[in-house]
Amino acid sequence: MPPSVVLWCLHSLHIYLEIEIVLMVVKVAVFVIFGCDLEPHSNEPYLATSLQDFWGRRWNLMVPGILRQAVYTPIRQVSKRKLNSVLSLFLGLLVTFVVSGAVHELMLFCLTRELPTGEVTMFFVLNGVCTAAEVVVKKKFERRLWRMSPLLSRVLTVGFCGCDWWLAVFPSTYKEGYDRETC
């Protein structure tokens, strides 16, 4: 395996573990100081069997609920008037992921004060297109008897989610000394 692919996968594992550890420390501190328990941040995302499962039910549990009400549902309702239900679903998912990408870019700008490059938004656009395509294909073939094994679908989902982080975070490391030709 090329070193850059190994680096991408290790980087995504690092991000997951860093987020889990930091949020666990915050959760324990809130419990010790205030005596109340916080909602979990994620629900074992490494067990996701699809992109829809990963983004909608397992990763960053608070955000899907907010985006569903604030972006997805209104887009679906408006677009159903002009488009068929499949295109409406695709558009709703895609716009939701674009909004999520833009919000992530805004948060990064507030933290770093560096102008957004669009890499993070492109990461969310890629995931939005792939999630929407997955949902459309599932709807089209939902009556088929063939089902993918849960183990294979977990490996494919986690592999995709783990290895597409390069779009969001890896290209910006070029400025720190990585050579574009070798990556």
N, C-alpha and C. Protein backbone atom coordinates (compact mmCIF):
# COMPACT_ATOMS: atom_id res chain seq x y z
N MET A 1 0.85 -1.18 0.00
CA MET A 1 0.00 0.00 0.00
C MET A 1 0.89 1.24 0.00
N PRO A 2 0.56 2.24 -0.81
CA PRO A 2 1.37 3.46 -0.83
C PRO A 2 1.36 4.15 0.54
N PRO A 3 2.49 4.75 0.91
CA PRO A 3 2.55 5.42 2.21
C PRO A 3 1.50 6.51 2.39
N SER A 4 1.13 7.18 1.30
CA SER A 4 0.14 8.25 1.42
C SER A 4 -1.23 7.69 1.82
N VAL A 5 -1.58 6.50 1.32
CA VAL A 5 -2.86 5.88 1.69
C VAL A 5 -2.84 5.47 3.15
N VAL A 6 -1.73 4.91 3.59
CA VAL A 6 -1.59 4.54 5.01
C VAL A 6 -1.69 5.79 5.87
N LEU A 7 -1.07 6.88 5.44
CA LEU A 7 -1.12 8.14 6.18
C LEU A 7 -2.55 8.67 6.25
N TRP A 8 -3.29 8.59 5.16
CA TRP A 8 -4.68 9.04 5.16
C TRP A 8 -5.51 8.24 6.16
N CYS A 9 -5.34 6.92 6.12
CA CYS A 9 -6.12 6.06 7.02
C CYS A 9 -5.75 6.31 8.48
N LEU A 10 -4.46 6.44 8.75
CA LEU A 10 -4.03 6.72 10.13
C LEU A 10 -4.51 8.09 10.59
N HIS A 11 -4.53 9.04 9.68
CA HIS A 11 -5.00 10.38 10.03
C HIS A 11 -6.49 10.35 10.40
N SER A 12 -7.29 9.60 9.65
CA SER A 12 -8.71 9.51 9.98
C SER A 12 -8.91 8.81 11.32
N LEU A 13 -8.13 7.79 11.60
CA LEU A 13 -8.19 7.14 12.91
C LEU A 13 -7.80 8.11 14.01
N HIS A 14 -6.78 8.92 13.76
CA HIS A 14 -6.34 9.94 14.72
C HIS A 14 -7.45 10.94 15.01
N ILE A 15 -8.12 11.40 13.96
CA ILE A 15 -9.22 12.36 14.14
C ILE A 15 -10.32 11.75 14.99
N TYR A 16 -10.71 10.52 14.67
CA TYR A 16 -11.78 9.86 15.43
C TYR A 16 -11.38 9.72 16.90
N LEU A 17 -10.19 9.21 17.16
CA LEU A 17 -9.77 9.01 18.56
C LEU A 17 -9.61 10.33 19.30
N GLU A 18 -9.10 11.35 18.62
CA GLU A 18 -8.95 12.66 19.25
C GLU A 18 -10.30 13.24 19.66
N ILE A 19 -11.26 13.16 18.75
CA ILE A 19 -12.61 13.68 19.06
C ILE A 19 -13.23 12.89 20.20
N GLU A 20 -13.13 11.57 20.16
CA GLU A 20 -13.72 10.74 21.20
C GLU A 20 -13.09 11.01 22.57
N ILE A 21 -11.77 11.14 22.62
CA ILE A 21 -11.08 11.37 23.90
C ILE A 21 -11.42 12.75 24.45
N VAL A 22 -11.36 13.77 23.61
CA VAL A 22 -11.66 15.13 24.07
C VAL A 22 -13.10 15.22 24.58
N LEU A 23 -14.03 14.67 23.82
CA LEU A 23 -15.43 14.74 24.24
C LEU A 23 -15.70 13.89 25.48
N MET A 24 -14.98 12.81 25.66
CA MET A 24 -15.14 12.00 26.87
C MET A 24 -14.64 12.78 28.09
N VAL A 25 -13.53 13.49 27.94
CA VAL A 25 -13.01 14.32 29.04
C VAL A 25 -14.01 15.41 29.39
N VAL A 26 -14.59 16.06 28.38
CA VAL A 26 -15.60 17.09 28.63
C VAL A 26 -16.82 16.49 29.32
N LYS A 27 -17.25 15.33 28.87
CA LYS A 27 -18.41 14.67 29.46
C LYS A 27 -18.16 14.34 30.93
N VAL A 28 -16.98 13.82 31.25
CA VAL A 28 -16.65 13.50 32.65
C VAL A 28 -16.58 14.77 33.48
N ALA A 29 -15.97 15.82 32.93
CA ALA A 29 -15.86 17.09 33.68
C ALA A 29 -17.24 17.67 33.96
N VAL A 30 -18.13 17.65 32.99
CA VAL A 30 -19.49 18.16 33.19
C VAL A 30 -20.22 17.32 34.24
N PHE A 31 -20.01 16.02 34.20
CA PHE A 31 -20.66 15.15 35.18
C PHE A 31 -20.14 15.42 36.59
N VAL A 32 -18.82 15.59 36.73
CA VAL A 32 -18.22 15.85 38.04
C VAL A 32 -18.64 17.22 38.57
N ILE A 33 -18.61 18.23 37.72
CA ILE A 33 -18.90 19.60 38.17
C ILE A 33 -20.39 19.84 38.37
N PHE A 34 -21.22 19.41 37.40
CA PHE A 34 -22.64 19.73 37.44
C PHE A 34 -23.53 18.55 37.82
N GLY A 35 -22.99 17.36 37.78
CA GLY A 35 -23.77 16.18 38.15
C GLY A 35 -24.78 15.73 37.11
N CYS A 36 -24.62 16.19 35.87
CA CYS A 36 -25.54 15.76 34.82
C CYS A 36 -24.76 15.05 33.71
N ASP A 37 -25.47 14.17 33.04
CA ASP A 37 -24.84 13.38 31.99
C ASP A 37 -25.17 13.98 30.63
N LEU A 38 -24.18 14.05 29.74
CA LEU A 38 -24.38 14.58 28.39
C LEU A 38 -24.74 13.45 27.43
N GLU A 39 -25.44 13.83 26.38
CA GLU A 39 -25.75 12.86 25.32
C GLU A 39 -24.45 12.39 24.68
N PRO A 40 -24.40 11.17 24.20
CA PRO A 40 -23.18 10.71 23.52
C PRO A 40 -22.98 11.45 22.20
N HIS A 41 -21.73 11.64 21.84
CA HIS A 41 -21.39 12.34 20.60
C HIS A 41 -21.61 11.44 19.39
N SER A 42 -21.26 10.18 19.54
CA SER A 42 -21.41 9.24 18.43
C SER A 42 -21.89 7.90 18.97
N ASN A 43 -22.32 7.05 18.05
CA ASN A 43 -22.84 5.75 18.41
C ASN A 43 -22.08 4.68 17.64
N GLU A 44 -20.87 4.39 18.08
CA GLU A 44 -20.02 3.38 17.46
C GLU A 44 -20.00 3.48 15.93
N PRO A 45 -19.45 4.59 15.41
CA PRO A 45 -19.48 4.80 13.95
C PRO A 45 -18.75 3.72 13.16
N TYR A 46 -17.84 3.03 13.78
CA TYR A 46 -17.10 1.96 13.10
C TYR A 46 -18.00 0.75 12.82
N LEU A 47 -19.23 0.73 13.33
CA LEU A 47 -20.17 -0.35 13.05
C LEU A 47 -21.19 0.03 11.97
N ALA A 48 -21.03 1.18 11.36
CA ALA A 48 -21.97 1.64 10.33
C ALA A 48 -21.97 0.68 9.15
N THR A 49 -23.16 0.38 8.65
CA THR A 49 -23.29 -0.52 7.51
C THR A 49 -23.56 0.20 6.20
N SER A 50 -23.68 1.53 6.26
CA SER A 50 -23.88 2.31 5.05
C SER A 50 -23.51 3.76 5.35
N LEU A 51 -23.36 4.56 4.31
CA LEU A 51 -23.08 5.98 4.52
C LEU A 51 -24.26 6.65 5.20
N GLN A 52 -25.46 6.26 4.82
CA GLN A 52 -26.66 6.81 5.44
C GLN A 52 -26.66 6.49 6.94
N ASP A 53 -26.31 5.29 7.28
CA ASP A 53 -26.22 4.88 8.69
C ASP A 53 -25.13 5.66 9.41
N PHE A 54 -23.96 5.82 8.77
CA PHE A 54 -22.84 6.54 9.38
C PHE A 54 -23.21 7.99 9.66
N TRP A 55 -23.65 8.72 8.62
CA TRP A 55 -23.91 10.15 8.77
C TRP A 55 -25.21 10.45 9.50
N GLY A 56 -26.21 9.59 9.37
CA GLY A 56 -27.51 9.88 9.96
C GLY A 56 -27.75 9.34 11.35
N ARG A 57 -27.05 8.23 11.71
CA ARG A 57 -27.35 7.58 12.98
C ARG A 57 -26.16 7.29 13.88
N ARG A 58 -24.95 7.49 13.37
CA ARG A 58 -23.80 7.07 14.17
C ARG A 58 -22.76 8.16 14.43
N TRP A 59 -22.58 9.09 13.52
CA TRP A 59 -21.54 10.12 13.69
C TRP A 59 -22.17 11.44 14.06
N ASN A 60 -21.61 12.11 15.05
CA ASN A 60 -22.05 13.44 15.49
C ASN A 60 -23.57 13.51 15.60
N LEU A 61 -24.11 12.81 16.58
CA LEU A 61 -25.54 12.56 16.70
C LEU A 61 -26.42 13.81 16.79
N MET A 62 -25.89 14.91 17.27
CA MET A 62 -26.70 16.12 17.40
C MET A 62 -26.94 16.78 16.04
N VAL A 63 -25.95 16.76 15.19
CA VAL A 63 -26.02 17.50 13.92
C VAL A 63 -27.08 16.97 12.95
N PRO A 64 -27.21 15.65 12.75
CA PRO A 64 -28.24 15.21 11.81
C PRO A 64 -29.64 15.68 12.18
N GLY A 65 -29.96 15.71 13.45
CA GLY A 65 -31.27 16.18 13.88
C GLY A 65 -31.49 17.64 13.53
N ILE A 66 -30.47 18.45 13.72
CA ILE A 66 -30.57 19.88 13.40
C ILE A 66 -30.67 20.08 11.89
N LEU A 67 -29.78 19.45 11.14
CA LEU A 67 -29.77 19.62 9.69
C LEU A 67 -31.03 19.05 9.03
N ARG A 68 -31.55 17.97 9.60
CA ARG A 68 -32.77 17.38 9.04
C ARG A 68 -33.93 18.38 9.11
N GLN A 69 -34.06 19.04 10.27
CA GLN A 69 -35.16 19.99 10.44
C GLN A 69 -34.91 21.32 9.73
N ALA A 70 -33.67 21.78 9.75
CA ALA A 70 -33.37 23.11 9.24
C ALA A 70 -33.12 23.16 7.73
N VAL A 71 -32.62 22.06 7.15
CA VAL A 71 -32.24 22.09 5.74
C VAL A 71 -32.95 21.01 4.93
N TYR A 72 -32.79 19.76 5.31
CA TYR A 72 -33.26 18.64 4.50
C TYR A 72 -34.79 18.68 4.27
N THR A 73 -35.56 18.75 5.35
CA THR A 73 -37.02 18.72 5.22
C THR A 73 -37.56 19.90 4.41
N PRO A 74 -37.12 21.14 4.67
CA PRO A 74 -37.62 22.25 3.83
C PRO A 74 -37.25 22.11 2.35
N ILE A 75 -36.03 21.66 2.08
CA ILE A 75 -35.61 21.49 0.68
C ILE A 75 -36.46 20.41 0.01
N ARG A 76 -36.69 19.32 0.71
CA ARG A 76 -37.53 18.24 0.16
C ARG A 76 -38.94 18.74 -0.13
N GLN A 77 -39.52 19.49 0.82
CA GLN A 77 -40.90 19.97 0.64
C GLN A 77 -41.01 20.92 -0.55
N VAL A 78 -40.05 21.81 -0.68
CA VAL A 78 -40.09 22.78 -1.79
C VAL A 78 -39.81 22.07 -3.12
N SER A 79 -38.82 21.19 -3.15
CA SER A 79 -38.43 20.56 -4.41
C SER A 79 -39.42 19.50 -4.87
N LYS A 80 -40.21 18.92 -3.96
CA LYS A 80 -41.21 17.92 -4.36
C LYS A 80 -42.26 18.51 -5.29
N ARG A 81 -42.47 19.81 -5.20
CA ARG A 81 -43.48 20.47 -6.05
C ARG A 81 -43.05 20.48 -7.51
N LYS A 82 -41.73 20.55 -7.74
CA LYS A 82 -41.23 20.68 -9.11
C LYS A 82 -40.53 19.41 -9.62
N LEU A 83 -40.00 18.59 -8.71
CA LEU A 83 -39.21 17.43 -9.10
C LEU A 83 -39.88 16.14 -8.62
N ASN A 84 -39.48 15.02 -9.22
CA ASN A 84 -39.99 13.74 -8.71
C ASN A 84 -39.33 13.42 -7.36
N SER A 85 -39.80 12.41 -6.68
CA SER A 85 -39.34 12.15 -5.32
C SER A 85 -37.87 11.74 -5.26
N VAL A 86 -37.38 11.05 -6.28
CA VAL A 86 -35.97 10.63 -6.28
C VAL A 86 -35.06 11.85 -6.40
N LEU A 87 -35.37 12.74 -7.34
CA LEU A 87 -34.55 13.95 -7.49
C LEU A 87 -34.69 14.86 -6.27
N SER A 88 -35.86 14.90 -5.69
CA SER A 88 -36.10 15.70 -4.49
C SER A 88 -35.25 15.18 -3.33
N LEU A 89 -35.22 13.86 -3.18
CA LEU A 89 -34.40 13.24 -2.13
C LEU A 89 -32.92 13.54 -2.35
N PHE A 90 -32.46 13.36 -3.59
CA PHE A 90 -31.06 13.61 -3.93
C PHE A 90 -30.69 15.07 -3.63
N LEU A 91 -31.54 15.99 -4.06
CA LEU A 91 -31.28 17.42 -3.85
C LEU A 91 -31.27 17.75 -2.36
N GLY A 92 -32.22 17.20 -1.61
CA GLY A 92 -32.27 17.45 -0.17
C GLY A 92 -31.01 17.00 0.53
N LEU A 93 -30.55 15.79 0.21
CA LEU A 93 -29.32 15.28 0.83
C LEU A 93 -28.11 16.11 0.41
N LEU A 94 -28.00 16.42 -0.87
CA LEU A 94 -26.85 17.17 -1.36
C LEU A 94 -26.78 18.56 -0.73
N VAL A 95 -27.89 19.27 -0.69
CA VAL A 95 -27.89 20.61 -0.09
C VAL A 95 -27.55 20.53 1.40
N THR A 96 -28.05 19.51 2.08
CA THR A 96 -27.73 19.34 3.50
C THR A 96 -26.24 19.17 3.71
N PHE A 97 -25.59 18.36 2.89
CA PHE A 97 -24.14 18.16 3.02
C PHE A 97 -23.37 19.42 2.63
N VAL A 98 -23.85 20.17 1.64
CA VAL A 98 -23.18 21.43 1.27
C VAL A 98 -23.25 22.42 2.43
N VAL A 99 -24.40 22.52 3.07
CA VAL A 99 -24.55 23.41 4.23
C VAL A 99 -23.62 22.96 5.35
N SER A 100 -23.54 21.67 5.60
CA SER A 100 -22.64 21.16 6.64
C SER A 100 -21.19 21.51 6.31
N GLY A 101 -20.81 21.35 5.04
CA GLY A 101 -19.45 21.71 4.63
C GLY A 101 -19.16 23.19 4.83
N ALA A 102 -20.12 24.03 4.47
CA ALA A 102 -19.94 25.48 4.64
C ALA A 102 -19.81 25.85 6.12
N VAL A 103 -20.60 25.22 6.96
CA VAL A 103 -20.51 25.49 8.40
C VAL A 103 -19.16 25.03 8.95
N HIS A 104 -18.67 23.89 8.49
CA HIS A 104 -17.35 23.42 8.92
C HIS A 104 -16.25 24.40 8.46
N GLU A 105 -16.38 24.89 7.22
CA GLU A 105 -15.41 25.88 6.73
C GLU A 105 -15.45 27.14 7.60
N LEU A 106 -16.66 27.59 7.97
CA LEU A 106 -16.80 28.76 8.83
C LEU A 106 -16.16 28.52 10.20
N MET A 107 -16.39 27.34 10.77
CA MET A 107 -15.78 27.03 12.08
C MET A 107 -14.25 27.03 11.98
N LEU A 108 -13.73 26.45 10.91
CA LEU A 108 -12.27 26.45 10.73
C LEU A 108 -11.73 27.86 10.56
N PHE A 109 -12.47 28.71 9.84
CA PHE A 109 -12.04 30.09 9.67
C PHE A 109 -12.02 30.80 11.02
N CYS A 110 -13.05 30.59 11.83
CA CYS A 110 -13.09 31.22 13.15
C CYS A 110 -11.95 30.75 14.05
N LEU A 111 -11.55 29.49 13.90
CA LEU A 111 -10.47 28.96 14.72
C LEU A 111 -9.09 29.37 14.23
N THR A 112 -8.90 29.40 12.90
CA THR A 112 -7.56 29.62 12.36
C THR A 112 -7.36 31.01 11.76
N ARG A 113 -8.43 31.69 11.42
CA ARG A 113 -8.38 33.00 10.74
C ARG A 113 -7.69 32.91 9.38
N GLU A 114 -7.70 31.72 8.78
CA GLU A 114 -7.19 31.54 7.42
C GLU A 114 -8.39 31.40 6.48
N LEU A 115 -8.28 32.01 5.30
CA LEU A 115 -9.38 31.95 4.34
C LEU A 115 -9.67 30.50 3.97
N PRO A 116 -10.94 30.15 3.85
CA PRO A 116 -11.31 28.78 3.48
C PRO A 116 -10.78 28.41 2.10
N THR A 117 -10.38 27.17 1.95
CA THR A 117 -9.87 26.68 0.67
C THR A 117 -10.93 25.90 -0.10
N GLY A 118 -11.99 25.52 0.56
CA GLY A 118 -13.03 24.72 -0.08
C GLY A 118 -12.82 23.23 0.04
N GLU A 119 -11.69 22.81 0.58
CA GLU A 119 -11.39 21.39 0.70
C GLU A 119 -12.39 20.68 1.60
N VAL A 120 -12.75 21.30 2.70
CA VAL A 120 -13.69 20.69 3.64
C VAL A 120 -15.07 20.61 3.01
N THR A 121 -15.48 21.65 2.33
CA THR A 121 -16.79 21.63 1.66
C THR A 121 -16.81 20.55 0.59
N MET A 122 -15.72 20.40 -0.15
CA MET A 122 -15.66 19.35 -1.17
C MET A 122 -15.74 17.96 -0.54
N PHE A 123 -15.17 17.79 0.63
CA PHE A 123 -15.29 16.53 1.36
C PHE A 123 -16.77 16.23 1.62
N PHE A 124 -17.50 17.24 2.10
CA PHE A 124 -18.92 17.03 2.38
C PHE A 124 -19.74 16.86 1.11
N VAL A 125 -19.38 17.55 0.04
CA VAL A 125 -20.08 17.37 -1.24
C VAL A 125 -19.88 15.93 -1.72
N LEU A 126 -18.65 15.43 -1.66
CA LEU A 126 -18.38 14.04 -2.07
C LEU A 126 -19.22 13.08 -1.24
N ASN A 127 -19.23 13.27 0.07
CA ASN A 127 -20.02 12.39 0.93
C ASN A 127 -21.52 12.55 0.68
N GLY A 128 -21.96 13.76 0.38
CA GLY A 128 -23.37 13.98 0.07
C GLY A 128 -23.79 13.29 -1.20
N VAL A 129 -22.98 13.40 -2.25
CA VAL A 129 -23.28 12.74 -3.52
C VAL A 129 -23.31 11.22 -3.32
N CYS A 130 -22.31 10.70 -2.62
CA CYS A 130 -22.25 9.25 -2.41
C CYS A 130 -23.39 8.75 -1.53
N THR A 131 -23.73 9.50 -0.49
CA THR A 131 -24.85 9.11 0.38
C THR A 131 -26.16 9.18 -0.38
N ALA A 132 -26.36 10.24 -1.14
CA ALA A 132 -27.59 10.38 -1.92
C ALA A 132 -27.70 9.26 -2.96
N ALA A 133 -26.60 8.96 -3.63
CA ALA A 133 -26.61 7.88 -4.62
C ALA A 133 -26.92 6.54 -3.93
N GLU A 134 -26.35 6.32 -2.77
CA GLU A 134 -26.62 5.09 -2.02
C GLU A 134 -28.11 4.97 -1.66
N VAL A 135 -28.70 6.06 -1.19
CA VAL A 135 -30.11 6.05 -0.80
C VAL A 135 -31.00 5.81 -2.02
N VAL A 136 -30.69 6.45 -3.13
CA VAL A 136 -31.47 6.27 -4.36
C VAL A 136 -31.38 4.83 -4.84
N VAL A 137 -30.17 4.26 -4.83
CA VAL A 137 -30.00 2.87 -5.27
C VAL A 137 -30.75 1.92 -4.33
N LYS A 138 -30.68 2.18 -3.02
CA LYS A 138 -31.41 1.34 -2.06
C LYS A 138 -32.91 1.39 -2.33
N LYS A 139 -33.43 2.58 -2.58
CA LYS A 139 -34.87 2.72 -2.85
C LYS A 139 -35.26 1.97 -4.13
N LYS A 140 -34.39 2.04 -5.12
CA LYS A 140 -34.69 1.40 -6.40
C LYS A 140 -34.68 -0.13 -6.29
N PHE A 141 -33.79 -0.65 -5.46
CA PHE A 141 -33.64 -2.10 -5.36
C PHE A 141 -34.10 -2.66 -4.02
N GLU A 142 -34.99 -1.96 -3.33
CA GLU A 142 -35.37 -2.39 -1.98
C GLU A 142 -36.14 -3.70 -1.97
N ARG A 143 -36.78 -4.06 -3.05
CA ARG A 143 -37.55 -5.30 -3.08
C ARG A 143 -36.72 -6.51 -3.51
N ARG A 144 -35.48 -6.29 -3.85
CA ARG A 144 -34.62 -7.40 -4.28
C ARG A 144 -34.28 -8.27 -3.07
N LEU A 145 -34.07 -9.54 -3.30
CA LEU A 145 -33.75 -10.45 -2.21
C LEU A 145 -32.27 -10.42 -1.84
N TRP A 146 -31.44 -9.91 -2.74
CA TRP A 146 -30.00 -9.90 -2.48
C TRP A 146 -29.64 -8.83 -1.47
N ARG A 147 -28.88 -9.20 -0.48
CA ARG A 147 -28.41 -8.26 0.53
C ARG A 147 -26.91 -8.48 0.73
N MET A 148 -26.20 -7.39 0.92
CA MET A 148 -24.77 -7.46 1.19
C MET A 148 -24.56 -7.90 2.64
N SER A 149 -23.54 -8.68 2.89
CA SER A 149 -23.29 -9.12 4.26
C SER A 149 -22.94 -7.90 5.13
N PRO A 150 -23.39 -7.90 6.39
CA PRO A 150 -23.09 -6.76 7.27
C PRO A 150 -21.59 -6.52 7.44
N LEU A 151 -20.81 -7.59 7.49
CA LEU A 151 -19.36 -7.42 7.66
C LEU A 151 -18.76 -6.69 6.46
N LEU A 152 -19.13 -7.11 5.25
CA LEU A 152 -18.61 -6.46 4.04
C LEU A 152 -19.09 -5.01 3.96
N SER A 153 -20.35 -4.77 4.27
CA SER A 153 -20.85 -3.39 4.20
C SER A 153 -20.18 -2.50 5.25
N ARG A 154 -19.85 -3.04 6.42
CA ARG A 154 -19.12 -2.26 7.43
C ARG A 154 -17.72 -1.92 6.94
N VAL A 155 -17.04 -2.90 6.38
CA VAL A 155 -15.67 -2.67 5.88
C VAL A 155 -15.69 -1.61 4.78
N LEU A 156 -16.62 -1.71 3.84
CA LEU A 156 -16.70 -0.75 2.75
C LEU A 156 -17.05 0.65 3.27
N THR A 157 -18.01 0.73 4.19
CA THR A 157 -18.43 2.03 4.71
C THR A 157 -17.33 2.70 5.51
N VAL A 158 -16.76 1.97 6.45
CA VAL A 158 -15.70 2.55 7.29
C VAL A 158 -14.46 2.83 6.45
N GLY A 159 -14.18 1.98 5.47
CA GLY A 159 -13.06 2.23 4.57
C GLY A 159 -13.25 3.51 3.78
N PHE A 160 -14.45 3.71 3.25
CA PHE A 160 -14.74 4.94 2.51
C PHE A 160 -14.65 6.15 3.42
N CYS A 161 -15.32 6.08 4.57
CA CYS A 161 -15.32 7.23 5.49
C CYS A 161 -13.92 7.51 6.02
N GLY A 162 -13.14 6.48 6.23
CA GLY A 162 -11.78 6.67 6.75
C GLY A 162 -10.81 7.20 5.72
N CYS A 163 -10.99 6.77 4.48
CA CYS A 163 -10.00 7.14 3.46
C CYS A 163 -10.39 8.37 2.65
N ASP A 164 -11.61 8.88 2.82
CA ASP A 164 -11.92 10.10 2.07
C ASP A 164 -11.65 11.36 2.89
N TRP A 165 -11.17 11.19 4.12
CA TRP A 165 -10.79 12.36 4.94
C TRP A 165 -9.66 13.14 4.29
N TRP A 166 -8.88 12.50 3.41
CA TRP A 166 -7.78 13.20 2.74
C TRP A 166 -8.27 14.46 2.06
N LEU A 167 -9.50 14.44 1.54
CA LEU A 167 -10.02 15.60 0.83
C LEU A 167 -10.20 16.78 1.77
N ALA A 168 -10.58 16.49 3.01
CA ALA A 168 -10.84 17.56 3.97
C ALA A 168 -9.58 18.04 4.68
N VAL A 169 -8.65 17.15 4.96
CA VAL A 169 -7.55 17.56 5.82
C VAL A 169 -6.16 17.37 5.22
N PHE A 170 -5.98 16.40 4.37
CA PHE A 170 -4.63 16.12 3.92
C PHE A 170 -4.05 17.16 2.96
N PRO A 171 -4.80 17.65 1.95
CA PRO A 171 -4.20 18.61 1.02
C PRO A 171 -3.65 19.86 1.71
N SER A 172 -4.26 20.29 2.80
CA SER A 172 -3.77 21.49 3.48
C SER A 172 -2.41 21.26 4.13
N THR A 173 -2.02 19.99 4.31
CA THR A 173 -0.72 19.73 4.90
C THR A 173 0.41 19.91 3.89
N TYR A 174 0.07 20.09 2.60
CA TYR A 174 1.12 20.35 1.61
C TYR A 174 1.92 21.59 1.99
N LYS A 175 1.23 22.57 2.55
CA LYS A 175 1.90 23.80 2.94
C LYS A 175 2.95 23.56 4.02
N GLU A 176 2.79 22.42 4.73
CA GLU A 176 3.69 22.13 5.84
C GLU A 176 4.87 21.27 5.43
N GLY A 177 5.08 21.07 4.13
CA GLY A 177 6.29 20.39 3.71
C GLY A 177 6.11 19.10 2.95
N TYR A 178 4.89 18.58 2.80
CA TYR A 178 4.70 17.39 2.02
C TYR A 178 4.83 17.74 0.55
N ASP A 179 5.40 16.83 -0.22
CA ASP A 179 5.61 17.05 -1.63
C ASP A 179 4.41 16.50 -2.40
N ARG A 180 3.78 17.33 -3.23
CA ARG A 180 2.61 16.90 -3.99
C ARG A 180 2.92 15.73 -4.92
N GLU A 181 4.12 15.67 -5.44
CA GLU A 181 4.46 14.63 -6.39
C GLU A 181 4.54 13.26 -5.73
N THR A 182 4.91 13.17 -4.46
CA THR A 182 5.04 11.87 -3.82
C THR A 182 3.77 11.44 -3.13
N CYS A 183 2.79 12.32 -2.97
CA CYS A 183 1.56 11.95 -2.26
C CYS A 183 0.47 11.59 -3.21
